[in-house]
């Protein structure tokens, strides 16, 4: 798929890709260069380590959507593409 950079330096992410990745209007993205390739990805979620029960777990600093079987299935399918 091909896109262009406009005069303001903006890149349009094609709808097919936005839909496949669940990118909505206003979604924050990190942009970087790795080995000469432009890489855009959602920012990582900040976590803190807390003791819970007999172990330590990572607890996110922000509220995250509920993890459902459908979300897991979508993530697995996206990883296979």
PDB file of N, CA and C in Angstrom:
ATOM      1  N   UNK A   1       0.848  -1.160   0.000  1.00  0.00           N
ATOM      2  CA  UNK A   1       0.000   0.000   0.000  1.00  0.00           C
ATOM      3  C   UNK A   1       0.903   1.235   0.000  1.00  0.00           C
ATOM      4  N   UNK A   2       0.495   2.260  -0.715  1.00  0.00           N
ATOM      5  CA  UNK A   2       1.317   3.462  -0.839  1.00  0.00           C
ATOM      6  C   UNK A   2       0.554   4.669  -0.316  1.00  0.00           C
ATOM      7  N   UNK A   3       1.284   5.589   0.315  1.00  0.00           N
ATOM      8  CA  UNK A   3       0.717   6.846   0.778  1.00  0.00           C
ATOM      9  C   UNK A   3       1.751   7.940   0.550  1.00  0.00           C
ATOM     10  N   UNK A   4       1.403   9.175   0.829  1.00  0.00           N
ATOM     11  CA  UNK A   4       2.340  10.283   0.624  1.00  0.00           C
ATOM     12  C   UNK A   4       2.434  11.132   1.887  1.00  0.00           C
ATOM     13  N   UNK A   5       3.465  11.935   1.944  1.00  0.00           N
ATOM     14  CA  UNK A   5       3.653  12.903   3.019  1.00  0.00           C
ATOM     15  C   UNK A   5       3.227  14.257   2.479  1.00  0.00           C
ATOM     16  N   UNK A   6       2.357  14.975   3.207  1.00  0.00           N
ATOM     17  CA  UNK A   6       1.908  16.282   2.723  1.00  0.00           C
ATOM     18  C   UNK A   6       2.918  17.371   3.106  1.00  0.00           C
ATOM     19  N   UNK A   7       2.643  18.618   2.713  1.00  0.00           N
ATOM     20  CA  UNK A   7       3.568  19.726   2.964  1.00  0.00           C
ATOM     21  C   UNK A   7       3.851  19.946   4.441  1.00  0.00           C
ATOM     22  N   UNK A   8       2.876  19.608   5.294  1.00  0.00           N
ATOM     23  CA  UNK A   8       3.045  19.778   6.740  1.00  0.00           C
ATOM     24  C   UNK A   8       3.789  18.598   7.373  1.00  0.00           C
ATOM     25  N   UNK A   9       4.167  17.599   6.571  1.00  0.00           N
ATOM     26  CA  UNK A   9       4.886  16.436   7.081  1.00  0.00           C
ATOM     27  C   UNK A   9       3.982  15.338   7.599  1.00  0.00           C
ATOM     28  N   UNK A  10       2.683  15.435   7.340  1.00  0.00           N
ATOM     29  CA  UNK A  10       1.735  14.434   7.820  1.00  0.00           C
ATOM     30  C   UNK A  10       1.656  13.256   6.859  1.00  0.00           C
ATOM     31  N   UNK A  11       1.440  12.093   7.443  1.00  0.00           N
ATOM     32  CA  UNK A  11       1.284  10.861   6.672  1.00  0.00           C
ATOM     33  C   UNK A  11      -0.127  10.334   6.919  1.00  0.00           C
ATOM     34  N   UNK A  12      -0.812   9.986   5.858  1.00  0.00           N
ATOM     35  CA  UNK A  12      -2.136   9.377   5.979  1.00  0.00           C
ATOM     36  C   UNK A  12      -1.954   7.870   6.106  1.00  0.00           C
ATOM     37  N   UNK A  13      -2.476   7.299   7.189  1.00  0.00           N
ATOM     38  CA  UNK A  13      -2.476   5.844   7.338  1.00  0.00           C
ATOM     39  C   UNK A  13      -3.760   5.353   6.675  1.00  0.00           C
ATOM     40  N   UNK A  14      -3.649   4.538   5.636  1.00  0.00           N
ATOM     41  CA  UNK A  14      -4.835   4.093   4.912  1.00  0.00           C
ATOM     42  C   UNK A  14      -5.872   3.433   5.827  1.00  0.00           C
ATOM     43  N   UNK A  15      -7.150   3.625   5.493  1.00  0.00           N
ATOM     44  CA  UNK A  15      -8.264   3.132   6.305  1.00  0.00           C
ATOM     45  C   UNK A  15      -8.163   1.636   6.547  1.00  0.00           C
ATOM     46  N   UNK A  16      -7.790   0.880   5.540  1.00  0.00           N
ATOM     47  CA  UNK A  16      -7.678  -0.572   5.687  1.00  0.00           C
ATOM     48  C   UNK A  16      -6.703  -0.933   6.815  1.00  0.00           C
ATOM     49  N   UNK A  17      -5.593  -0.220   6.912  1.00  0.00           N
ATOM     50  CA  UNK A  17      -4.599  -0.485   7.956  1.00  0.00           C
ATOM     51  C   UNK A  17      -5.121  -0.007   9.310  1.00  0.00           C
ATOM     52  N   UNK A  18      -5.736   1.195   9.343  1.00  0.00           N
ATOM     53  CA  UNK A  18      -6.296   1.700  10.609  1.00  0.00           C
ATOM     54  C   UNK A  18      -7.328   0.730  11.159  1.00  0.00           C
ATOM     55  N   UNK A  19      -8.207   0.247  10.291  1.00  0.00           N
ATOM     56  CA  UNK A  19      -9.240  -0.697  10.729  1.00  0.00           C
ATOM     57  C   UNK A  19      -8.627  -2.000  11.228  1.00  0.00           C
ATOM     58  N   UNK A  20      -7.645  -2.515  10.519  1.00  0.00           N
ATOM     59  CA  UNK A  20      -7.016  -3.789  10.898  1.00  0.00           C
ATOM     60  C   UNK A  20      -6.319  -3.697  12.254  1.00  0.00           C
ATOM     61  N   UNK A  21      -5.786  -2.500  12.569  1.00  0.00           N
ATOM     62  CA  UNK A  21      -5.044  -2.327  13.823  1.00  0.00           C
ATOM     63  C   UNK A  21      -5.863  -1.668  14.919  1.00  0.00           C
ATOM     64  N   UNK A  22      -7.088  -1.294  14.607  1.00  0.00           N
ATOM     65  CA  UNK A  22      -7.933  -0.649  15.606  1.00  0.00           C
ATOM     66  C   UNK A  22      -7.479   0.757  15.947  1.00  0.00           C
ATOM     67  N   UNK A  23      -6.896   1.462  14.973  1.00  0.00           N
ATOM     68  CA  UNK A  23      -6.431   2.832  15.200  1.00  0.00           C
ATOM     69  C   UNK A  23      -7.576   3.794  14.915  1.00  0.00           C
ATOM     70  N   UNK A  24      -7.994   4.532  15.933  1.00  0.00           N
ATOM     71  CA  UNK A  24      -9.093   5.480  15.800  1.00  0.00           C
ATOM     72  C   UNK A  24      -8.551   6.904  15.757  1.00  0.00           C
ATOM     73  N   UNK A  25      -9.409   7.836  15.380  1.00  0.00           N
ATOM     74  CA  UNK A  25      -9.058   9.247  15.375  1.00  0.00           C
ATOM     75  C   UNK A  25      -8.527   9.635  16.753  1.00  0.00           C
ATOM     76  N   UNK A  26      -7.372  10.267  16.793  1.00  0.00           N
ATOM     77  CA  UNK A  26      -6.785  10.703  18.054  1.00  0.00           C
ATOM     78  C   UNK A  26      -5.888   9.681  18.726  1.00  0.00           C
ATOM     79  N   UNK A  27      -5.722   8.499  18.131  1.00  0.00           N
ATOM     80  CA  UNK A  27      -4.845   7.480  18.706  1.00  0.00           C
ATOM     81  C   UNK A  27      -3.405   7.984  18.718  1.00  0.00           C
ATOM     82  N   UNK A  28      -2.761   7.911  19.878  1.00  0.00           N
ATOM     83  CA  UNK A  28      -1.355   8.316  19.990  1.00  0.00           C
ATOM     84  C   UNK A  28      -0.470   7.232  19.383  1.00  0.00           C
ATOM     85  N   UNK A  29       0.574   7.652  18.686  1.00  0.00           N
ATOM     86  CA  UNK A  29       1.545   6.726  18.112  1.00  0.00           C
ATOM     87  C   UNK A  29       2.954   7.220  18.402  1.00  0.00           C
ATOM     88  N   UNK A  30       3.840   6.301  18.675  1.00  0.00           N
ATOM     89  CA  UNK A  30       5.269   6.604  18.764  1.00  0.00           C
ATOM     90  C   UNK A  30       5.828   6.412  17.363  1.00  0.00           C
ATOM     91  N   UNK A  31       6.716   7.301  16.947  1.00  0.00           N
ATOM     92  CA  UNK A  31       7.340   7.155  15.628  1.00  0.00           C
ATOM     93  C   UNK A  31       8.847   7.177  15.820  1.00  0.00           C
ATOM     94  N   UNK A  32       9.538   6.277  15.123  1.00  0.00           N
ATOM     95  CA  UNK A  32      10.977   6.121  15.305  1.00  0.00           C
ATOM     96  C   UNK A  32      11.589   5.621  14.001  1.00  0.00           C
ATOM     97  N   UNK A  33      12.886   5.622  13.945  1.00  0.00           N
ATOM     98  CA  UNK A  33      13.620   5.046  12.813  1.00  0.00           C
ATOM     99  C   UNK A  33      14.456   3.899  13.357  1.00  0.00           C
ATOM    100  N   UNK A  34      14.288   2.726  12.749  1.00  0.00           N
ATOM    101  CA  UNK A  34      15.057   1.545  13.141  1.00  0.00           C
ATOM    102  C   UNK A  34      15.649   0.916  11.894  1.00  0.00           C
ATOM    103  N   UNK A  35      16.953   0.857  11.836  1.00  0.00           N
ATOM    104  CA  UNK A  35      17.645   0.268  10.693  1.00  0.00           C
ATOM    105  C   UNK A  35      17.177   0.868   9.375  1.00  0.00           C
ATOM    106  N   UNK A  36      16.985   2.195   9.357  1.00  0.00           N
ATOM    107  CA  UNK A  36      16.595   2.888   8.138  1.00  0.00           C
ATOM    108  C   UNK A  36      15.132   2.765   7.766  1.00  0.00           C
ATOM    109  N   UNK A  37      14.305   2.259   8.668  1.00  0.00           N
ATOM    110  CA  UNK A  37      12.878   2.066   8.412  1.00  0.00           C
ATOM    111  C   UNK A  37      12.091   2.915   9.408  1.00  0.00           C
ATOM    112  N   UNK A  38      11.066   3.628   8.909  1.00  0.00           N
ATOM    113  CA  UNK A  38      10.186   4.391   9.791  1.00  0.00           C
ATOM    114  C   UNK A  38       9.227   3.411  10.448  1.00  0.00           C
ATOM    115  N   UNK A  39       9.158   3.462  11.776  1.00  0.00           N
ATOM    116  CA  UNK A  39       8.301   2.549  12.536  1.00  0.00           C
ATOM    117  C   UNK A  39       7.332   3.376  13.368  1.00  0.00           C
ATOM    118  N   UNK A  40       6.026   3.084  13.232  1.00  0.00           N
ATOM    119  CA  UNK A  40       5.006   3.727  14.055  1.00  0.00           C
ATOM    120  C   UNK A  40       4.322   2.645  14.862  1.00  0.00           C
ATOM    121  N   UNK A  41       4.146   2.890  16.171  1.00  0.00           N
ATOM    122  CA  UNK A  41       3.486   1.919  17.025  1.00  0.00           C
ATOM    123  C   UNK A  41       2.818   2.623  18.195  1.00  0.00           C
ATOM    124  N   UNK A  42       1.793   1.995  18.762  1.00  0.00           N
ATOM    125  CA  UNK A  42       1.159   2.596  19.931  1.00  0.00           C
ATOM    126  C   UNK A  42       2.181   2.721  21.059  1.00  0.00           C
ATOM    127  N   UNK A  43       2.084   3.765  21.870  1.00  0.00           N
ATOM    128  CA  UNK A  43       3.035   3.902  22.975  1.00  0.00           C
ATOM    129  C   UNK A  43       2.858   2.778  23.989  1.00  0.00           C
ATOM    130  N   UNK A  44       3.929   2.456  24.674  1.00  0.00           N
ATOM    131  CA  UNK A  44       3.843   1.414  25.695  1.00  0.00           C
ATOM    132  C   UNK A  44       3.048   1.940  26.889  1.00  0.00           C
ATOM    133  N   UNK A  45       2.476   1.040  27.628  1.00  0.00           N
ATOM    134  CA  UNK A  45       1.707   1.399  28.814  1.00  0.00           C
ATOM    135  C   UNK A  45       2.632   1.370  30.024  1.00  0.00           C
ATOM    136  N   UNK A  46       2.682   2.480  30.754  1.00  0.00           N
ATOM    137  CA  UNK A  46       3.514   2.533  31.957  1.00  0.00           C
ATOM    138  C   UNK A  46       2.913   1.622  33.023  1.00  0.00           C
ATOM    139  N   UNK A  47       3.769   0.883  33.717  1.00  0.00           N
ATOM    140  CA  UNK A  47       3.316  -0.022  34.773  1.00  0.00           C
ATOM    141  C   UNK A  47       4.186   0.155  36.009  1.00  0.00           C
ATOM    142  N   UNK A  48       3.659  -0.275  37.125  1.00  0.00           N
ATOM    143  CA  UNK A  48       4.454  -0.344  38.350  1.00  0.00           C
ATOM    144  C   UNK A  48       4.354  -1.773  38.867  1.00  0.00           C
ATOM    145  N   UNK A  49       5.397  -2.231  39.513  1.00  0.00           N
ATOM    146  CA  UNK A  49       5.412  -3.586  40.056  1.00  0.00           C
ATOM    147  C   UNK A  49       4.889  -3.539  41.483  1.00  0.00           C
ATOM    148  N   UNK A  50       3.899  -4.390  41.779  1.00  0.00           N
ATOM    149  CA  UNK A  50       3.311  -4.426  43.117  1.00  0.00           C
ATOM    150  C   UNK A  50       3.226  -5.876  43.594  1.00  0.00           C
ATOM    151  N   UNK A  51       3.302  -6.039  44.911  1.00  0.00           N
ATOM    152  CA  UNK A  51       3.145  -7.378  45.488  1.00  0.00           C
ATOM    153  C   UNK A  51       1.659  -7.699  45.562  1.00  0.00           C
ATOM    154  N   UNK A  52       1.315  -8.857  45.058  1.00  0.00           N
ATOM    155  CA  UNK A  52      -0.074  -9.309  45.134  1.00  0.00           C
ATOM    156  C   UNK A  52      -0.045 -10.807  45.411  1.00  0.00           C
ATOM    157  N   UNK A  53      -0.698 -11.206  46.472  1.00  0.00           N
ATOM    158  CA  UNK A  53      -0.658 -12.617  46.851  1.00  0.00           C
ATOM    159  C   UNK A  53       0.766 -13.002  47.197  1.00  0.00           C
ATOM    160  N   UNK A  54       1.236 -14.055  46.595  1.00  0.00           N
ATOM    161  CA  UNK A  54       2.594 -14.516  46.870  1.00  0.00           C
ATOM    162  C   UNK A  54       3.603 -14.100  45.822  1.00  0.00           C
ATOM    163  N   UNK A  55       3.232 -13.147  44.965  1.00  0.00           N
ATOM    164  CA  UNK A  55       4.156 -12.766  43.904  1.00  0.00           C
ATOM    165  C   UNK A  55       4.110 -11.287  43.590  1.00  0.00           C
ATOM    166  N   UNK A  56       4.769 -10.930  42.516  1.00  0.00           N
ATOM    167  CA  UNK A  56       4.823  -9.547  42.058  1.00  0.00           C
ATOM    168  C   UNK A  56       4.153  -9.483  40.691  1.00  0.00           C
ATOM    169  N   UNK A  57       3.279  -8.486  40.505  1.00  0.00           N
ATOM    170  CA  UNK A  57       2.587  -8.324  39.234  1.00  0.00           C
ATOM    171  C   UNK A  57       2.796  -6.908  38.709  1.00  0.00           C
ATOM    172  N   UNK A  58       2.674  -6.751  37.406  1.00  0.00           N
ATOM    173  CA  UNK A  58       2.752  -5.430  36.780  1.00  0.00           C
ATOM    174  C   UNK A  58       1.346  -4.850  36.754  1.00  0.00           C
ATOM    175  N   UNK A  59       1.201  -3.645  37.323  1.00  0.00           N
ATOM    176  CA  UNK A  59      -0.093  -2.976  37.376  1.00  0.00           C
ATOM    177  C   UNK A  59      -0.008  -1.709  36.521  1.00  0.00           C
ATOM    178  N   UNK A  60      -0.893  -1.551  35.539  1.00  0.00           N
ATOM    179  CA  UNK A  60      -0.819  -0.374  34.664  1.00  0.00           C
ATOM    180  C   UNK A  60      -1.157   0.907  35.415  1.00  0.00           C
ATOM    181  N   UNK A  61      -0.529   2.021  34.998  1.00  0.00           N
ATOM    182  CA  UNK A  61      -0.783   3.327  35.600  1.00  0.00           C
ATOM    183  C   UNK A  61      -2.105   3.923  35.127  1.00  0.00           C
ATOM    184  N   UNK A  62      -2.682   3.355  34.074  1.00  0.00           N
ATOM    185  CA  UNK A  62      -3.947   3.878  33.549  1.00  0.00           C
ATOM    186  C   UNK A  62      -4.935   2.738  33.377  1.00  0.00           C
ATOM    187  N   UNK A  63      -6.206   3.074  33.308  1.00  0.00           N
ATOM    188  CA  UNK A  63      -7.260   2.075  33.117  1.00  0.00           C
ATOM    189  C   UNK A  63      -7.165   1.527  31.698  1.00  0.00           C
ATOM    190  N   UNK A  64      -7.176   0.218  31.574  1.00  0.00           N
ATOM    191  CA  UNK A  64      -7.108  -0.441  30.274  1.00  0.00           C
ATOM    192  C   UNK A  64      -8.430  -1.135  29.991  1.00  0.00           C
ATOM    193  N   UNK A  65      -8.758  -1.337  28.694  1.00  0.00           N
ATOM    194  CA  UNK A  65      -9.991  -2.051  28.384  1.00  0.00           C
ATOM    195  C   UNK A  65      -9.909  -3.491  28.884  1.00  0.00           C
ATOM    196  N   UNK A  66     -11.070  -4.052  29.193  1.00  0.00           N
ATOM    197  CA  UNK A  66     -11.131  -5.421  29.690  1.00  0.00           C
ATOM    198  C   UNK A  66     -10.597  -6.393  28.639  1.00  0.00           C
ATOM    199  N   UNK A  67      -9.774  -7.311  29.087  1.00  0.00           N
ATOM    200  CA  UNK A  67      -9.211  -8.324  28.188  1.00  0.00           C
ATOM    201  C   UNK A  67     -10.240  -9.433  28.002  1.00  0.00           C
ATOM    202  N   UNK A  68     -10.688  -9.596  26.775  1.00  0.00           N
ATOM    203  CA  UNK A  68     -11.691 -10.617  26.465  1.00  0.00           C
ATOM    204  C   UNK A  68     -11.073 -11.657  25.534  1.00  0.00           C
ATOM    205  N   UNK A  69     -11.753 -12.776  25.403  1.00  0.00           N
ATOM    206  CA  UNK A  69     -11.290 -13.821  24.488  1.00  0.00           C
ATOM    207  C   UNK A  69     -11.225 -13.287  23.062  1.00  0.00           C
ATOM    208  N   UNK A  70     -12.178 -12.427  22.697  1.00  0.00           N
ATOM    209  CA  UNK A  70     -12.178 -11.856  21.347  1.00  0.00           C
ATOM    210  C   UNK A  70     -10.960 -10.962  21.115  1.00  0.00           C
ATOM    211  N   UNK A  71     -10.592 -10.148  22.113  1.00  0.00           N
ATOM    212  CA  UNK A  71      -9.403  -9.289  21.974  1.00  0.00           C
ATOM    213  C   UNK A  71      -8.141 -10.135  21.830  1.00  0.00           C
ATOM    214  N   UNK A  72      -8.052 -11.214  22.595  1.00  0.00           N
ATOM    215  CA  UNK A  72      -6.892 -12.107  22.503  1.00  0.00           C
ATOM    216  C   UNK A  72      -6.837 -12.721  21.114  1.00  0.00           C
ATOM    217  N   UNK A  73      -7.980 -13.185  20.626  1.00  0.00           N
ATOM    218  CA  UNK A  73      -8.052 -13.787  19.284  1.00  0.00           C
ATOM    219  C   UNK A  73      -7.629 -12.777  18.219  1.00  0.00           C
ATOM    220  N   UNK A  74      -8.100 -11.528  18.328  1.00  0.00           N
ATOM    221  CA  UNK A  74      -7.737 -10.480  17.356  1.00  0.00           C
ATOM    222  C   UNK A  74      -6.235 -10.215  17.386  1.00  0.00           C
ATOM    223  N   UNK A  75      -5.645 -10.178  18.598  1.00  0.00           N
ATOM    224  CA  UNK A  75      -4.208  -9.943  18.722  1.00  0.00           C
ATOM    225  C   UNK A  75      -3.409 -11.088  18.105  1.00  0.00           C
ATOM    226  N   UNK A  76      -3.861 -12.308  18.328  1.00  0.00           N
ATOM    227  CA  UNK A  76      -3.172 -13.458  17.730  1.00  0.00           C
ATOM    228  C   UNK A  76      -3.243 -13.424  16.213  1.00  0.00           C
ATOM    229  N   UNK A  77      -4.414 -13.096  15.680  1.00  0.00           N
ATOM    230  CA  UNK A  77      -4.580 -13.017  14.228  1.00  0.00           C
ATOM    231  C   UNK A  77      -3.724 -11.899  13.640  1.00  0.00           C
ATOM    232  N   UNK A  78      -3.676 -10.756  14.312  1.00  0.00           N
ATOM    233  CA  UNK A  78      -2.863  -9.632  13.830  1.00  0.00           C
ATOM    234  C   UNK A  78      -1.394 -10.008  13.820  1.00  0.00           C
ATOM    235  N   UNK A  79      -0.951 -10.788  14.795  1.00  0.00           N
ATOM    236  CA  UNK A  79       0.444 -11.223  14.867  1.00  0.00           C
ATOM    237  C   UNK A  79       0.804 -12.231  13.787  1.00  0.00           C
ATOM    238  N   UNK A  80      -0.172 -12.913  13.262  1.00  0.00           N
ATOM    239  CA  UNK A  80       0.068 -13.906  12.208  1.00  0.00           C
ATOM    240  C   UNK A  80       0.181 -13.293  10.830  1.00  0.00           C
ATOM    241  N   UNK A  81      -0.293 -12.050  10.671  1.00  0.00           N
ATOM    242  CA  UNK A  81      -0.270 -11.397   9.347  1.00  0.00           C
ATOM    243  C   UNK A  81       1.085 -10.882   9.004  1.00  0.00           C
TER     244      UNK A  81
END
